[in-house]
Amino acid sequence: MADLKKTELEKRAFKTAKTLLEKYPNPDNLKLEEISDLDDSYTVLITLLYTEKLDEKEQLGIVSIIDEMKLLDENR
């Protein structure tokens, strides 16, 4: 059975992506569900980063999540 407990990074990425999807138009019809994984959140965050004019705080939030994901990948 897969571990359904989400890491703090997964929770933060999901919350950030969900908040930004609610705030900005969603022409690509991106969706997130409670069962979405880190890759789903990452896709939404990258898409919004490149398609929307985010404020500095939002940009920094996305970049910090991406940096943590890179560190995790490097440590595998």
N, C-alpha and C. Protein backbone atom coordinates (compact mmCIF):
# COMPACT_ATOMS: atom_id res chain seq x y z
N MET A 1 0.84 -1.19 0.00
CA MET A 1 0.00 0.00 0.00
C MET A 1 0.88 1.25 0.00
N ALA A 2 0.58 2.17 -0.86
CA ALA A 2 1.36 3.40 -0.98
C ALA A 2 1.13 4.30 0.23
N ASP A 3 2.17 5.00 0.60
CA ASP A 3 2.06 5.93 1.72
C ASP A 3 1.30 7.17 1.26
N LEU A 4 0.15 7.43 1.84
CA LEU A 4 -0.69 8.55 1.42
C LEU A 4 -0.35 9.84 2.15
N LYS A 5 0.57 9.77 3.09
CA LYS A 5 0.96 10.96 3.84
C LYS A 5 1.83 11.85 2.96
N LYS A 6 1.43 13.11 2.82
CA LYS A 6 2.18 14.04 1.98
C LYS A 6 3.30 14.70 2.79
N THR A 7 4.41 14.97 2.11
CA THR A 7 5.51 15.68 2.73
C THR A 7 5.15 17.16 2.86
N GLU A 8 5.91 17.87 3.64
CA GLU A 8 5.68 19.31 3.79
C GLU A 8 5.83 20.03 2.45
N LEU A 9 6.81 19.61 1.65
CA LEU A 9 7.00 20.22 0.34
C LEU A 9 5.78 19.98 -0.55
N GLU A 10 5.26 18.77 -0.54
CA GLU A 10 4.07 18.46 -1.34
C GLU A 10 2.87 19.30 -0.89
N LYS A 11 2.71 19.45 0.42
CA LYS A 11 1.60 20.25 0.95
C LYS A 11 1.75 21.71 0.54
N ARG A 12 2.97 22.24 0.67
CA ARG A 12 3.20 23.65 0.32
C ARG A 12 3.02 23.88 -1.17
N ALA A 13 3.52 22.97 -1.99
CA ALA A 13 3.39 23.11 -3.44
C ALA A 13 1.92 23.06 -3.84
N PHE A 14 1.17 22.13 -3.26
CA PHE A 14 -0.25 22.01 -3.57
C PHE A 14 -1.01 23.27 -3.16
N LYS A 15 -0.75 23.74 -1.95
CA LYS A 15 -1.45 24.93 -1.44
C LYS A 15 -1.14 26.15 -2.31
N THR A 16 0.12 26.32 -2.66
CA THR A 16 0.52 27.45 -3.49
C THR A 16 -0.13 27.36 -4.87
N ALA A 17 -0.07 26.20 -5.49
CA ALA A 17 -0.66 26.02 -6.82
C ALA A 17 -2.16 26.23 -6.78
N LYS A 18 -2.83 25.69 -5.79
CA LYS A 18 -4.29 25.81 -5.67
C LYS A 18 -4.68 27.28 -5.50
N THR A 19 -3.97 28.00 -4.65
CA THR A 19 -4.25 29.42 -4.40
C THR A 19 -4.07 30.24 -5.67
N LEU A 20 -2.99 29.99 -6.39
CA LEU A 20 -2.73 30.75 -7.62
C LEU A 20 -3.73 30.40 -8.72
N LEU A 21 -4.16 29.14 -8.79
CA LEU A 21 -5.18 28.77 -9.78
C LEU A 21 -6.50 29.48 -9.52
N GLU A 22 -6.80 29.72 -8.25
CA GLU A 22 -8.04 30.42 -7.91
C GLU A 22 -7.92 31.91 -8.19
N LYS A 23 -6.71 32.45 -8.11
CA LYS A 23 -6.49 33.88 -8.27
C LYS A 23 -6.37 34.32 -9.73
N TYR A 24 -5.74 33.49 -10.55
CA TYR A 24 -5.46 33.88 -11.93
C TYR A 24 -6.33 33.10 -12.90
N PRO A 25 -6.57 33.68 -14.09
CA PRO A 25 -7.33 32.97 -15.12
C PRO A 25 -6.63 31.65 -15.44
N ASN A 26 -7.41 30.70 -15.89
CA ASN A 26 -6.87 29.38 -16.15
C ASN A 26 -7.21 28.93 -17.57
N PRO A 27 -6.58 29.56 -18.57
CA PRO A 27 -6.93 29.24 -19.96
C PRO A 27 -6.54 27.82 -20.37
N ASP A 28 -5.58 27.23 -19.70
CA ASP A 28 -5.14 25.87 -20.02
C ASP A 28 -5.98 24.81 -19.32
N ASN A 29 -6.98 25.26 -18.55
CA ASN A 29 -7.87 24.36 -17.81
C ASN A 29 -7.08 23.41 -16.90
N LEU A 30 -6.07 23.94 -16.24
CA LEU A 30 -5.29 23.16 -15.29
C LEU A 30 -6.13 22.85 -14.07
N LYS A 31 -5.99 21.65 -13.55
CA LYS A 31 -6.77 21.25 -12.37
C LYS A 31 -5.88 20.57 -11.36
N LEU A 32 -6.23 20.74 -10.10
CA LEU A 32 -5.57 20.04 -9.01
C LEU A 32 -6.64 19.40 -8.14
N GLU A 33 -6.41 18.20 -7.74
CA GLU A 33 -7.30 17.48 -6.84
C GLU A 33 -6.52 17.18 -5.57
N GLU A 34 -7.21 16.84 -4.51
CA GLU A 34 -6.54 16.50 -3.25
C GLU A 34 -5.57 15.33 -3.43
N ILE A 35 -5.83 14.48 -4.42
CA ILE A 35 -4.94 13.33 -4.66
C ILE A 35 -3.80 13.66 -5.62
N SER A 36 -3.72 14.91 -6.07
CA SER A 36 -2.66 15.31 -6.98
C SER A 36 -1.30 15.14 -6.31
N ASP A 37 -0.31 14.78 -7.13
CA ASP A 37 1.02 14.60 -6.57
C ASP A 37 1.88 15.84 -6.81
N LEU A 38 3.12 15.75 -6.38
CA LEU A 38 4.04 16.88 -6.49
C LEU A 38 4.25 17.30 -7.94
N ASP A 39 4.30 16.35 -8.85
CA ASP A 39 4.48 16.69 -10.27
C ASP A 39 3.31 17.50 -10.82
N ASP A 40 2.09 17.19 -10.37
CA ASP A 40 0.92 17.96 -10.80
C ASP A 40 1.02 19.40 -10.33
N SER A 41 1.39 19.57 -9.07
CA SER A 41 1.54 20.92 -8.52
C SER A 41 2.65 21.66 -9.25
N TYR A 42 3.75 20.98 -9.51
CA TYR A 42 4.88 21.56 -10.21
C TYR A 42 4.46 22.06 -11.60
N THR A 43 3.70 21.26 -12.31
CA THR A 43 3.22 21.64 -13.65
C THR A 43 2.41 22.92 -13.59
N VAL A 44 1.50 23.00 -12.62
CA VAL A 44 0.69 24.21 -12.47
C VAL A 44 1.56 25.40 -12.13
N LEU A 45 2.48 25.23 -11.19
CA LEU A 45 3.34 26.35 -10.77
C LEU A 45 4.20 26.86 -11.92
N ILE A 46 4.81 25.98 -12.68
CA ILE A 46 5.65 26.39 -13.80
C ILE A 46 4.80 27.09 -14.87
N THR A 47 3.64 26.53 -15.15
CA THR A 47 2.77 27.14 -16.15
C THR A 47 2.38 28.56 -15.75
N LEU A 48 1.98 28.72 -14.50
CA LEU A 48 1.59 30.06 -14.03
C LEU A 48 2.78 31.01 -14.00
N LEU A 49 3.93 30.51 -13.64
CA LEU A 49 5.14 31.34 -13.58
C LEU A 49 5.46 31.93 -14.95
N TYR A 50 5.23 31.13 -16.00
CA TYR A 50 5.56 31.58 -17.35
C TYR A 50 4.41 32.27 -18.09
N THR A 51 3.19 32.13 -17.59
CA THR A 51 2.07 32.70 -18.34
C THR A 51 1.37 33.86 -17.65
N GLU A 52 1.64 34.06 -16.38
CA GLU A 52 0.96 35.14 -15.64
C GLU A 52 1.96 36.15 -15.11
N LYS A 53 1.49 37.36 -14.90
CA LYS A 53 2.32 38.39 -14.28
C LYS A 53 2.11 38.30 -12.77
N LEU A 54 2.92 37.46 -12.14
CA LEU A 54 2.81 37.22 -10.70
C LEU A 54 3.54 38.31 -9.94
N ASP A 55 3.08 38.58 -8.73
CA ASP A 55 3.83 39.55 -7.93
C ASP A 55 5.08 38.87 -7.38
N GLU A 56 5.97 39.67 -6.82
CA GLU A 56 7.28 39.16 -6.38
C GLU A 56 7.15 38.07 -5.32
N LYS A 57 6.24 38.22 -4.39
CA LYS A 57 6.06 37.22 -3.33
C LYS A 57 5.62 35.88 -3.92
N GLU A 58 4.72 35.92 -4.90
CA GLU A 58 4.27 34.69 -5.55
C GLU A 58 5.41 34.02 -6.32
N GLN A 59 6.19 34.84 -7.03
CA GLN A 59 7.32 34.31 -7.79
C GLN A 59 8.33 33.64 -6.86
N LEU A 60 8.65 34.31 -5.75
CA LEU A 60 9.60 33.75 -4.80
C LEU A 60 9.09 32.45 -4.18
N GLY A 61 7.79 32.39 -3.92
CA GLY A 61 7.21 31.17 -3.37
C GLY A 61 7.38 30.00 -4.33
N ILE A 62 7.14 30.24 -5.60
CA ILE A 62 7.29 29.19 -6.61
C ILE A 62 8.76 28.79 -6.74
N VAL A 63 9.64 29.76 -6.80
CA VAL A 63 11.06 29.48 -6.97
C VAL A 63 11.60 28.68 -5.78
N SER A 64 11.16 28.98 -4.58
CA SER A 64 11.65 28.23 -3.42
C SER A 64 11.20 26.77 -3.47
N ILE A 65 9.98 26.53 -3.95
CA ILE A 65 9.49 25.15 -4.10
C ILE A 65 10.31 24.42 -5.16
N ILE A 66 10.57 25.08 -6.27
CA ILE A 66 11.37 24.48 -7.35
C ILE A 66 12.78 24.16 -6.85
N ASP A 67 13.38 25.07 -6.10
CA ASP A 67 14.72 24.84 -5.56
C ASP A 67 14.74 23.61 -4.64
N GLU A 68 13.73 23.48 -3.79
CA GLU A 68 13.67 22.32 -2.90
C GLU A 68 13.50 21.03 -3.70
N MET A 69 12.71 21.09 -4.76
CA MET A 69 12.54 19.90 -5.60
C MET A 69 13.85 19.51 -6.27
N LYS A 70 14.61 20.49 -6.72
CA LYS A 70 15.91 20.21 -7.33
C LYS A 70 16.84 19.55 -6.33
N LEU A 71 16.85 20.04 -5.10
CA LEU A 71 17.69 19.45 -4.06
C LEU A 71 17.31 18.01 -3.79
N LEU A 72 16.01 17.74 -3.76
CA LEU A 72 15.56 16.37 -3.55
C LEU A 72 16.00 15.46 -4.68
N ASP A 73 15.88 15.94 -5.93
CA ASP A 73 16.30 15.15 -7.07
C ASP A 73 17.80 14.88 -7.06
N GLU A 74 18.58 15.87 -6.65
CA GLU A 74 20.04 15.70 -6.61
C GLU A 74 20.45 14.70 -5.53
N ASN A 75 19.67 14.59 -4.48
CA ASN A 75 20.00 13.70 -3.37
C ASN A 75 19.52 12.27 -3.59
N ARG A 76 18.87 12.00 -4.69
CA ARG A 76 18.40 10.63 -4.97
C ARG A 76 19.48 9.79 -5.56
